[in-house]
């Protein structure tokens, strides 16, 4: 019964209309910003390393642009990059990767718009700057009830559904490699998270700025080693990706709908562009201009999908350690690794093992522990900020706010344990529900408020241009 309800909600929320809305919005923002994700690439990189601005009192009330980048990237880089990519290949074939690229390219402009607006409408809290979609909905649109609703959806999506996906992927990997029970994996992750999230944004940002670059770089190095050993297969893999995306091959033609849907879903799940999570982190940065943080967050979408997800995909496809399944019936259409069935994380582990024998399971398991830890850490921050947003104009409710934050902490940690214990397919559908809930509202609001982000971009580019003149 539970699985049927989740499946119904997933189909309802992820109708083709949402897919068109997300892709269409990214395309619209790209044209409105004159493809800022391409022409301002250098500014994106430089914006990452801008020092945190200090207020008039000489104190730093927010985190630096790089710390915000790392927290947002930690929210993006998770099981979606390891298990999600494998799932996309299994249910959509190699062609799904092409659609993940498309979503990332246009999603970078969406990330720019939402993060710029988040900076424009951030508010001061005793713990530092806070804000995000709920704030620009309330202050930009002047619709408080919708802002509160969005905050509640973030608490439900990021605090309830999405942590289960992350914990489930990690528990499966640890079970495959170390025969560790799902309960032990879930409790271990919950304890580690508890030690960090109690420290608030400063603690989260500090951990993310150290762990995230380290784990991303280490993962990329291993994937490159694997791909290098299968270099002769790369041209054929790239051909299969493009032909699969267009439904040219017989099998690809039969699952083209699933190919596009899985590419879009997994792409959005991984890079979060349009969901609002990255915007929540962006509001906490202390930067000199809103557009500067928008550019930094656009770059994080590239790192997540075009770099890390692509590395995983090429590693799996070049190694041939995958199966292609009919998304509706579960029938095996292509049996590249029949022994793995639908053990999606096993595809990535087997790919590493194809070159580094006996190391694949261990490496992917350890990588997932780091990825999941930092991702759920970011999810907590999204939820905490949403609670602060709800009580932003109610200084008399400070104690109530703190009680709600503590309840949210325990709830999120409980869902981590729950996710580790339950079946993969149901958990992934729960994750899709969580992603879709926030995306619906946020993208529509972004389309309305987009002119303000465009204005900020023009102001910033004008400032940079004048600064460069002798």
Protein backbone atom coordinates (compact mmCIF):
# COMPACT_ATOMS: atom_id res chain seq x y z
CA UNK A 1 0.00 0.00 0.00
CA UNK A 2 2.82 2.39 0.95
CA UNK A 3 4.62 1.71 -2.34
CA UNK A 4 1.43 2.34 -4.33
CA UNK A 5 0.88 5.71 -2.61
CA UNK A 6 4.48 6.77 -3.25
CA UNK A 7 4.23 5.69 -6.90
CA UNK A 8 0.99 7.65 -7.36
CA UNK A 9 2.50 10.81 -5.86
CA UNK A 10 5.61 10.42 -7.97
CA UNK A 11 3.61 10.10 -11.22
CA UNK A 12 1.40 13.04 -10.24
CA UNK A 13 4.24 15.42 -9.37
CA UNK A 14 6.58 14.30 -12.14
CA UNK A 15 4.14 14.71 -15.00
CA UNK A 16 5.61 15.72 -18.39
CA UNK A 17 4.47 19.25 -17.57
CA UNK A 18 7.13 19.60 -14.85
CA UNK A 19 9.85 18.30 -17.16
CA UNK A 20 8.86 20.86 -19.83
CA UNK A 21 8.69 23.59 -17.17
CA UNK A 22 12.19 22.88 -15.84
CA UNK A 23 13.87 22.56 -19.24
CA UNK A 24 11.90 25.49 -20.64
CA UNK A 25 12.79 27.72 -17.68
CA UNK A 26 16.49 26.91 -18.04
CA UNK A 27 16.31 27.70 -21.75
CA UNK A 28 14.46 30.98 -21.05
CA UNK A 29 16.95 32.07 -18.37
CA UNK A 30 19.84 31.21 -20.69
CA UNK A 31 18.53 33.54 -23.39
CA UNK A 32 17.58 36.28 -20.90
CA UNK A 33 21.07 36.25 -19.37
CA UNK A 34 22.64 35.94 -22.83
CA UNK A 35 24.02 32.54 -21.80
CA UNK A 36 25.79 33.80 -18.71
CA UNK A 37 26.88 30.20 -18.01
CA UNK A 38 29.16 30.39 -21.07
CA UNK A 39 30.28 33.99 -21.55
CA UNK A 40 30.93 34.64 -17.84
CA UNK A 41 32.78 31.41 -17.10
CA UNK A 42 35.88 33.27 -15.94
CA UNK A 43 33.82 35.42 -13.57
CA UNK A 44 32.23 32.24 -12.16
CA UNK A 45 35.61 30.87 -11.14
CA UNK A 46 36.84 34.19 -9.72
CA UNK A 47 33.63 34.65 -7.74
CA UNK A 48 34.34 31.44 -5.84
CA UNK A 49 37.34 32.91 -4.09
CA UNK A 50 35.94 36.29 -3.12
CA UNK A 51 36.51 36.99 0.57
CA UNK A 52 33.50 37.29 2.85
CA UNK A 53 32.39 40.90 3.22
CA UNK A 54 32.24 42.49 6.66
CA UNK A 55 29.38 44.66 7.86
CA UNK A 56 29.67 48.21 9.15
CA UNK A 57 30.38 46.91 12.65
CA UNK A 58 33.53 45.22 11.32
CA UNK A 59 32.16 41.72 11.89
CA UNK A 60 31.57 38.95 9.36
CA UNK A 61 27.90 37.96 9.60
CA UNK A 62 27.90 35.41 6.82
CA UNK A 63 30.08 32.73 5.30
CA UNK A 64 32.46 33.27 2.38
CA UNK A 65 31.49 32.67 -1.24
CA UNK A 66 33.77 29.61 -1.33
CA UNK A 67 32.23 28.18 1.84
CA UNK A 68 28.74 28.71 0.38
CA UNK A 69 29.92 27.04 -2.83
CA UNK A 70 31.21 24.04 -0.85
CA UNK A 71 28.02 23.70 1.23
CA UNK A 72 25.86 23.93 -1.90
CA UNK A 73 28.15 21.53 -3.77
CA UNK A 74 28.01 19.10 -0.85
CA UNK A 75 24.21 19.19 -1.20
CA UNK A 76 24.53 18.47 -4.91
CA UNK A 77 27.30 15.85 -4.79
CA UNK A 78 25.82 12.73 -3.21
CA UNK A 79 24.30 9.41 -4.17
CA UNK A 80 22.96 11.08 -7.32
CA UNK A 81 26.52 11.15 -8.66
CA UNK A 82 27.20 7.47 -7.96
CA UNK A 83 23.91 5.60 -7.59
CA UNK A 84 21.74 8.10 -9.46
CA UNK A 85 23.89 7.95 -12.60
CA UNK A 86 23.82 4.15 -12.50
CA UNK A 87 20.03 4.27 -12.09
CA UNK A 88 19.72 6.60 -15.09
CA UNK A 89 21.74 4.19 -17.24
CA UNK A 90 19.80 1.14 -16.00
CA UNK A 91 16.35 2.61 -16.68
CA UNK A 92 17.14 5.00 -19.53
CA UNK A 93 20.20 3.56 -21.23
CA UNK A 94 23.36 5.50 -22.16
CA UNK A 95 21.23 8.21 -23.80
CA UNK A 96 20.01 9.37 -20.38
CA UNK A 97 23.46 10.88 -19.78
CA UNK A 98 22.98 13.28 -22.69
CA UNK A 99 19.80 14.60 -21.09
CA UNK A 100 21.64 15.01 -17.77
CA UNK A 101 24.13 17.22 -19.66
CA UNK A 102 21.32 19.28 -21.17
CA UNK A 103 19.74 19.79 -17.75
CA UNK A 104 23.11 20.83 -16.29
CA UNK A 105 23.87 23.31 -19.08
CA UNK A 106 20.54 25.11 -18.89
CA UNK A 107 20.27 24.46 -15.15
CA UNK A 108 23.38 26.58 -14.58
CA UNK A 109 21.42 29.66 -15.67
CA UNK A 110 18.55 28.65 -13.36
CA UNK A 111 21.03 28.32 -10.48
CA UNK A 112 22.33 31.80 -11.29
CA UNK A 113 18.87 33.36 -11.16
CA UNK A 114 17.75 31.67 -7.93
CA UNK A 115 21.02 32.34 -6.09
CA UNK A 116 21.13 36.00 -7.16
CA UNK A 117 17.57 36.51 -5.93
CA UNK A 118 18.43 34.72 -2.68
CA UNK A 119 21.23 37.22 -2.06
CA UNK A 120 18.99 40.14 -2.96
CA UNK A 121 16.30 39.13 -0.44
CA UNK A 122 18.38 37.59 2.38
CA UNK A 123 17.70 38.64 5.96
CA UNK A 124 19.79 39.00 9.10
CA UNK A 125 19.41 36.31 11.78
CA UNK A 126 21.31 36.02 15.05
CA UNK A 127 23.21 33.09 13.50
CA UNK A 128 24.12 35.01 10.32
CA UNK A 129 22.49 35.75 6.97
CA UNK A 130 19.60 33.49 5.96
CA UNK A 131 17.07 33.33 3.13
CA UNK A 132 16.32 31.50 -0.09
CA UNK A 133 13.19 30.92 -2.18
CA UNK A 134 10.83 31.41 0.77
CA UNK A 135 12.38 34.82 1.37
CA UNK A 136 12.15 36.06 -2.22
CA UNK A 137 8.63 34.64 -2.46
CA UNK A 138 7.60 36.60 0.64
CA UNK A 139 9.53 39.82 -0.01
CA UNK A 140 9.76 39.79 -3.81
CA UNK A 141 6.23 38.62 -4.57
CA UNK A 142 4.70 39.86 -1.32
CA UNK A 143 2.96 36.53 -0.71
CA UNK A 144 3.85 35.39 2.81
CA UNK A 145 1.59 32.33 2.90
CA UNK A 146 3.30 30.90 -0.19
CA UNK A 147 6.71 31.52 1.37
CA UNK A 148 5.65 29.66 4.49
CA UNK A 149 4.27 26.81 2.37
CA UNK A 150 7.57 26.57 0.51
CA UNK A 151 9.45 26.43 3.82
CA UNK A 152 7.21 23.58 4.96
CA UNK A 153 7.78 21.71 1.69
CA UNK A 154 11.54 22.07 2.17
CA UNK A 155 11.19 20.58 5.64
CA UNK A 156 9.18 17.69 4.22
CA UNK A 157 11.28 17.17 1.08
CA UNK A 158 14.80 17.78 2.36
CA UNK A 159 14.16 16.76 5.95
CA UNK A 160 12.07 13.65 5.30
CA UNK A 161 12.28 12.25 1.77
CA UNK A 162 15.73 13.07 0.39
CA UNK A 163 17.81 11.95 3.40
CA UNK A 164 16.30 8.48 3.00
CA UNK A 165 17.70 8.23 -0.55
CA UNK A 166 21.17 9.23 0.55
CA UNK A 167 21.24 6.84 3.52
CA UNK A 168 19.86 3.97 1.42
CA UNK A 169 22.58 4.27 -1.22
CA UNK A 170 25.28 4.35 1.43
CA UNK A 171 23.84 1.38 3.35
CA UNK A 172 23.64 -0.74 0.17
CA UNK A 173 27.25 0.02 -0.70
CA UNK A 174 28.54 -0.73 2.80
CA UNK A 175 26.51 -3.94 2.82
CA UNK A 176 28.00 -5.02 -0.51
CA UNK A 177 31.56 -4.32 0.57
CA UNK A 178 31.76 -4.90 4.31
CA UNK A 179 28.58 -6.91 5.03
CA UNK A 180 27.64 -4.11 7.41
CA UNK A 181 23.99 -4.23 8.44
CA UNK A 182 21.73 -1.39 7.21
CA UNK A 183 20.83 -0.56 10.80
CA UNK A 184 24.48 -0.11 11.77
CA UNK A 185 25.11 2.07 8.69
CA UNK A 186 22.10 4.24 9.42
CA UNK A 187 22.90 4.73 13.09
CA UNK A 188 26.57 5.46 12.34
CA UNK A 189 25.67 8.15 9.82
CA UNK A 190 23.10 9.67 12.18
CA UNK A 191 25.66 9.95 14.98
CA UNK A 192 28.26 11.63 12.74
CA UNK A 193 25.68 14.08 11.42
CA UNK A 194 24.46 14.90 14.90
CA UNK A 195 27.97 15.93 15.95
CA UNK A 196 28.22 18.47 13.11
CA UNK A 197 24.73 19.95 12.69
CA UNK A 198 24.45 21.01 16.32
CA UNK A 199 27.24 23.50 15.59
CA UNK A 200 25.10 25.37 13.04
CA UNK A 201 26.14 27.03 9.76
CA UNK A 202 29.69 27.91 10.82
CA UNK A 203 30.39 24.29 11.72
CA UNK A 204 28.69 22.98 8.56
CA UNK A 205 30.55 25.43 6.31
CA UNK A 206 33.90 24.62 7.92
CA UNK A 207 33.45 20.86 7.48
CA UNK A 208 32.11 21.25 3.92
CA UNK A 209 34.99 23.50 2.81
CA UNK A 210 37.49 20.82 3.90
CA UNK A 211 35.72 17.56 3.04
CA UNK A 212 33.93 18.47 -0.23
CA UNK A 213 36.97 19.45 -2.38
CA UNK A 214 38.94 16.50 -0.99
CA UNK A 215 36.25 13.90 -1.72
CA UNK A 216 35.44 15.30 -5.18
CA UNK A 217 39.10 15.37 -6.25
CA UNK A 218 39.77 11.86 -4.93
CA UNK A 219 36.74 10.44 -6.72
CA UNK A 220 37.67 12.09 -10.03
CA UNK A 221 41.22 10.68 -9.87
CA UNK A 222 39.94 7.10 -9.48
CA UNK A 223 37.39 7.46 -12.28
CA UNK A 224 40.07 8.81 -14.62
CA UNK A 225 42.29 5.80 -13.87
CA UNK A 226 39.43 3.43 -14.74
CA UNK A 227 38.49 5.33 -17.91
CA UNK A 228 42.15 5.45 -19.02
CA UNK A 229 42.31 1.65 -18.88
CA UNK A 230 39.24 1.44 -21.14
CA UNK A 231 40.23 4.36 -23.40
CA UNK A 232 39.56 2.42 -26.59
CA UNK A 233 35.89 2.09 -25.58
CA UNK A 234 35.33 5.86 -25.14
CA UNK A 235 34.42 6.67 -28.80
CA UNK A 236 31.84 3.88 -28.88
CA UNK A 237 30.41 5.00 -25.54
CA UNK A 238 30.04 8.60 -26.70
CA UNK A 239 28.33 7.37 -29.87
CA UNK A 240 25.93 5.24 -27.78
CA UNK A 241 25.12 8.25 -25.58
CA UNK A 242 24.16 10.48 -28.52
CA UNK A 243 22.34 7.76 -30.46
CA UNK A 244 20.49 6.67 -27.34
CA UNK A 245 19.45 10.25 -26.57
CA UNK A 246 17.84 10.53 -30.01
CA UNK A 247 16.35 7.03 -30.00
CA UNK A 248 18.32 5.95 -33.08
CA UNK A 249 19.19 2.44 -31.86
CA UNK A 250 16.34 -0.16 -31.79
CA UNK A 251 16.43 -0.59 -28.00
CA UNK A 252 16.91 3.14 -27.46
CA UNK A 253 13.87 3.90 -29.60
CA UNK A 254 11.71 1.63 -27.48
CA UNK A 255 12.66 3.37 -24.23
CA UNK A 256 13.14 6.95 -25.50
CA UNK A 257 10.49 8.34 -23.14
CA UNK A 258 12.17 6.69 -20.17
CA UNK A 259 15.58 7.85 -21.44
CA UNK A 260 14.55 11.51 -21.42
CA UNK A 261 12.63 11.27 -18.14
CA UNK A 262 15.42 9.46 -16.30
CA UNK A 263 18.05 11.87 -17.62
CA UNK A 264 16.01 14.88 -16.52
CA UNK A 265 15.06 13.39 -13.13
CA UNK A 266 18.50 12.19 -12.20
CA UNK A 267 20.08 15.39 -13.55
CA UNK A 268 17.81 17.60 -11.46
CA UNK A 269 18.15 15.32 -8.43
CA UNK A 270 21.93 15.59 -8.68
CA UNK A 271 22.51 19.28 -9.46
CA UNK A 272 19.40 20.68 -7.66
CA UNK A 273 19.06 23.59 -10.10
CA UNK A 274 15.54 24.97 -9.71
CA UNK A 275 14.75 23.16 -6.47
CA UNK A 276 15.91 26.04 -4.27
CA UNK A 277 18.44 24.24 -2.08
CA UNK A 278 21.45 26.02 -3.55
CA UNK A 279 19.62 29.33 -3.20
CA UNK A 280 19.13 28.73 0.53
CA UNK A 281 22.90 28.34 0.98
CA UNK A 282 23.62 31.31 -1.30
CA UNK A 283 21.62 33.61 0.97
CA UNK A 284 24.07 32.87 3.80
CA UNK A 285 27.11 34.20 1.93
CA UNK A 286 28.47 37.65 2.72
CA UNK A 287 29.34 39.00 -0.74
CA UNK A 288 29.58 42.49 -2.21
CA UNK A 289 26.98 41.95 -4.95
CA UNK A 290 24.09 39.46 -5.41
CA UNK A 291 25.20 38.45 -8.91
CA UNK A 292 28.62 37.40 -7.62
CA UNK A 293 27.07 34.57 -5.60
CA UNK A 294 24.76 33.69 -8.50
CA UNK A 295 27.82 33.12 -10.71
CA UNK A 296 29.53 30.98 -8.06
CA UNK A 297 26.51 28.73 -7.73
CA UNK A 298 26.11 28.37 -11.50
CA UNK A 299 29.63 26.96 -11.55
CA UNK A 300 28.74 24.37 -8.89
CA UNK A 301 26.17 22.85 -11.29
CA UNK A 302 28.95 22.29 -13.82
CA UNK A 303 31.19 20.64 -11.24
CA UNK A 304 28.40 18.35 -10.09
CA UNK A 305 26.94 17.12 -13.37
CA UNK A 306 29.32 17.87 -16.21
CA UNK A 307 32.34 16.72 -14.22
CA UNK A 308 31.46 14.22 -11.48
CA UNK A 309 28.33 12.64 -13.00
CA UNK A 310 30.00 12.37 -16.40
CA UNK A 311 33.05 10.71 -14.84
CA UNK A 312 30.81 8.08 -13.22
CA UNK A 313 28.85 7.48 -16.42
CA UNK A 314 31.92 7.05 -18.61
CA UNK A 315 33.48 4.72 -16.06
CA UNK A 316 30.39 2.46 -15.98
CA UNK A 317 29.73 2.54 -19.72
CA UNK A 318 33.36 1.99 -20.74
CA UNK A 319 33.62 -0.96 -18.32
CA UNK A 320 30.33 -2.45 -19.53
CA UNK A 321 29.26 -3.12 -15.94
CA UNK A 322 25.58 -2.28 -16.34
CA UNK A 323 22.21 -3.65 -17.39
CA UNK A 324 19.39 -1.80 -19.14
CA UNK A 325 15.94 -2.55 -17.73
CA UNK A 326 12.40 -1.78 -18.83
CA UNK A 327 11.30 0.83 -16.28
CA UNK A 328 7.72 -0.50 -16.23
CA UNK A 329 8.16 -4.27 -16.32
CA UNK A 330 11.69 -4.71 -14.98
CA UNK A 331 12.57 -6.86 -18.01
CA UNK A 332 16.30 -6.95 -18.79
CA UNK A 333 16.81 -5.41 -22.23
CA UNK A 334 20.62 -5.35 -22.21
CA UNK A 335 22.56 -7.67 -19.88
CA UNK A 336 26.03 -6.20 -19.60
CA UNK A 337 26.36 -7.43 -16.03
CA UNK A 338 23.53 -9.95 -15.48
CA UNK A 339 24.87 -10.95 -12.06
CA UNK A 340 24.21 -7.43 -10.76
CA UNK A 341 20.51 -7.28 -11.73
CA UNK A 342 19.16 -3.96 -10.42
CA UNK A 343 21.90 -3.47 -7.82
CA UNK A 344 22.61 0.03 -9.13
CA UNK A 345 25.44 0.91 -6.79
CA UNK A 346 27.01 -2.39 -7.84
CA UNK A 347 27.42 -1.02 -11.38
CA UNK A 348 29.82 1.65 -10.12
CA UNK A 349 31.61 -0.73 -7.78
CA UNK A 350 32.09 -3.30 -10.54
CA UNK A 351 33.44 -0.60 -12.88
CA UNK A 352 36.22 0.25 -10.43
CA UNK A 353 36.86 -3.46 -9.83
CA UNK A 354 37.33 -3.98 -13.58
CA UNK A 355 40.66 -2.14 -13.26
CA UNK A 356 41.47 -2.08 -9.55
CA UNK A 357 40.46 -5.63 -8.64
CA UNK A 358 39.07 -5.99 -5.16
CA UNK A 359 39.16 -2.23 -4.59
CA UNK A 360 35.91 -1.18 -6.25
CA UNK A 361 33.51 -2.06 -3.49
CA UNK A 362 35.68 -0.56 -0.78
CA UNK A 363 36.38 2.66 -2.67
CA UNK A 364 32.79 3.35 -3.71
CA UNK A 365 31.55 2.56 -0.20
CA UNK A 366 34.00 4.98 1.38
CA UNK A 367 33.23 7.63 -1.27
CA UNK A 368 29.52 7.26 -0.59
CA UNK A 369 30.04 7.69 3.15
CA UNK A 370 31.70 11.06 2.48
CA UNK A 371 29.22 12.07 -0.23
CA UNK A 372 26.17 11.15 1.82
CA UNK A 373 27.50 12.70 5.00
CA UNK A 374 28.09 16.10 3.39
CA UNK A 375 24.84 15.99 1.39
CA UNK A 376 22.57 15.29 4.36
CA UNK A 377 24.53 17.91 6.28
CA UNK A 378 23.49 20.42 3.59
CA UNK A 379 19.90 19.15 3.71
CA UNK A 380 19.85 19.92 7.42
CA UNK A 381 20.97 23.46 6.73
CA UNK A 382 18.16 23.90 4.17
CA UNK A 383 15.63 22.81 6.78
CA UNK A 384 17.07 24.88 9.61
CA UNK A 385 17.03 28.01 7.43
CA UNK A 386 13.42 27.29 6.45
CA UNK A 387 12.38 27.20 10.10
CA UNK A 388 14.17 30.51 10.69
CA UNK A 389 12.35 31.92 7.66
CA UNK A 390 8.97 30.97 9.11
CA UNK A 391 9.79 32.82 12.35
CA UNK A 392 11.77 35.66 10.71
CA UNK A 393 9.30 38.39 11.64
CA UNK A 394 8.39 36.91 15.02
CA UNK A 395 11.13 37.83 17.53
CA UNK A 396 8.69 36.93 20.32
CA UNK A 397 8.76 33.32 19.08
CA UNK A 398 12.50 32.75 19.52
CA UNK A 399 12.01 29.86 21.95
CA UNK A 400 9.43 28.24 19.66
CA UNK A 401 11.90 28.52 16.76
CA UNK A 402 14.59 26.73 18.77
CA UNK A 403 12.18 23.96 19.79
CA UNK A 404 11.21 23.44 16.14
CA UNK A 405 14.88 23.29 15.12
CA UNK A 406 15.61 20.58 17.70
CA UNK A 407 12.55 18.58 16.60
CA UNK A 408 13.75 18.87 12.99
CA UNK A 409 17.22 17.66 13.97
CA UNK A 410 15.90 14.49 15.58
CA UNK A 411 13.40 13.93 12.76
CA UNK A 412 16.07 14.17 10.06
CA UNK A 413 18.38 11.78 11.91
CA UNK A 414 15.50 9.31 12.32
CA UNK A 415 14.79 9.45 8.58
CA UNK A 416 18.45 8.65 7.88
CA UNK A 417 18.06 5.40 9.82
CA UNK A 418 14.68 4.73 8.14
CA UNK A 419 16.19 5.18 4.67
CA UNK A 420 19.04 2.79 5.41
CA UNK A 421 16.53 0.04 6.25
CA UNK A 422 14.12 0.23 3.31
CA UNK A 423 13.99 -1.00 -0.27
CA UNK A 424 15.85 0.95 -2.98
CA UNK A 425 13.09 1.52 -5.56
CA UNK A 426 10.60 2.92 -3.04
CA UNK A 427 13.27 5.16 -1.54
CA UNK A 428 14.24 6.61 -4.93
CA UNK A 429 10.60 7.39 -5.67
CA UNK A 430 10.37 9.17 -2.31
CA UNK A 431 13.38 11.22 -3.32
CA UNK A 432 11.75 12.16 -6.63
CA UNK A 433 8.64 13.32 -4.76
CA UNK A 434 10.78 15.54 -2.52
CA UNK A 435 12.59 17.09 -5.49
CA UNK A 436 9.42 17.72 -7.46
CA UNK A 437 7.54 19.39 -4.61
CA UNK A 438 9.93 22.31 -4.26
CA UNK A 439 10.75 22.56 -7.96
CA UNK A 440 7.13 23.26 -8.96
CA UNK A 441 6.79 26.39 -6.84
CA UNK A 442 10.33 27.67 -7.14
CA UNK A 443 10.60 27.62 -10.94
CA UNK A 444 7.30 29.44 -11.43
CA UNK A 445 8.40 32.14 -8.95
CA UNK A 446 11.78 32.43 -10.70
CA UNK A 447 10.04 33.08 -14.02
CA UNK A 448 8.13 35.96 -12.40
CA UNK A 449 11.11 37.51 -10.58
CA UNK A 450 13.69 36.83 -13.30
CA UNK A 451 13.90 40.52 -14.43
CA UNK A 452 15.36 41.45 -11.04
CA UNK A 453 18.16 38.89 -11.40
CA UNK A 454 18.85 40.14 -14.95
CA UNK A 455 19.12 43.70 -13.63
CA UNK A 456 21.58 42.59 -10.95
CA UNK A 457 23.67 40.82 -13.60
CA UNK A 458 23.82 43.95 -15.77
CA UNK A 459 24.83 46.10 -12.80
CA UNK A 460 27.58 43.68 -11.79
CA UNK A 461 28.92 43.31 -15.34
CA UNK A 462 28.93 47.09 -15.73
CA UNK A 463 30.87 47.42 -12.48
CA UNK A 464 33.42 44.77 -13.53
CA UNK A 465 33.80 46.36 -16.96
CA UNK A 466 34.52 49.81 -15.48
CA UNK A 467 36.94 48.32 -12.98
CA UNK A 468 38.98 46.72 -15.78
CA UNK A 469 39.36 50.00 -17.73
CA UNK A 470 42.69 51.78 -17.19
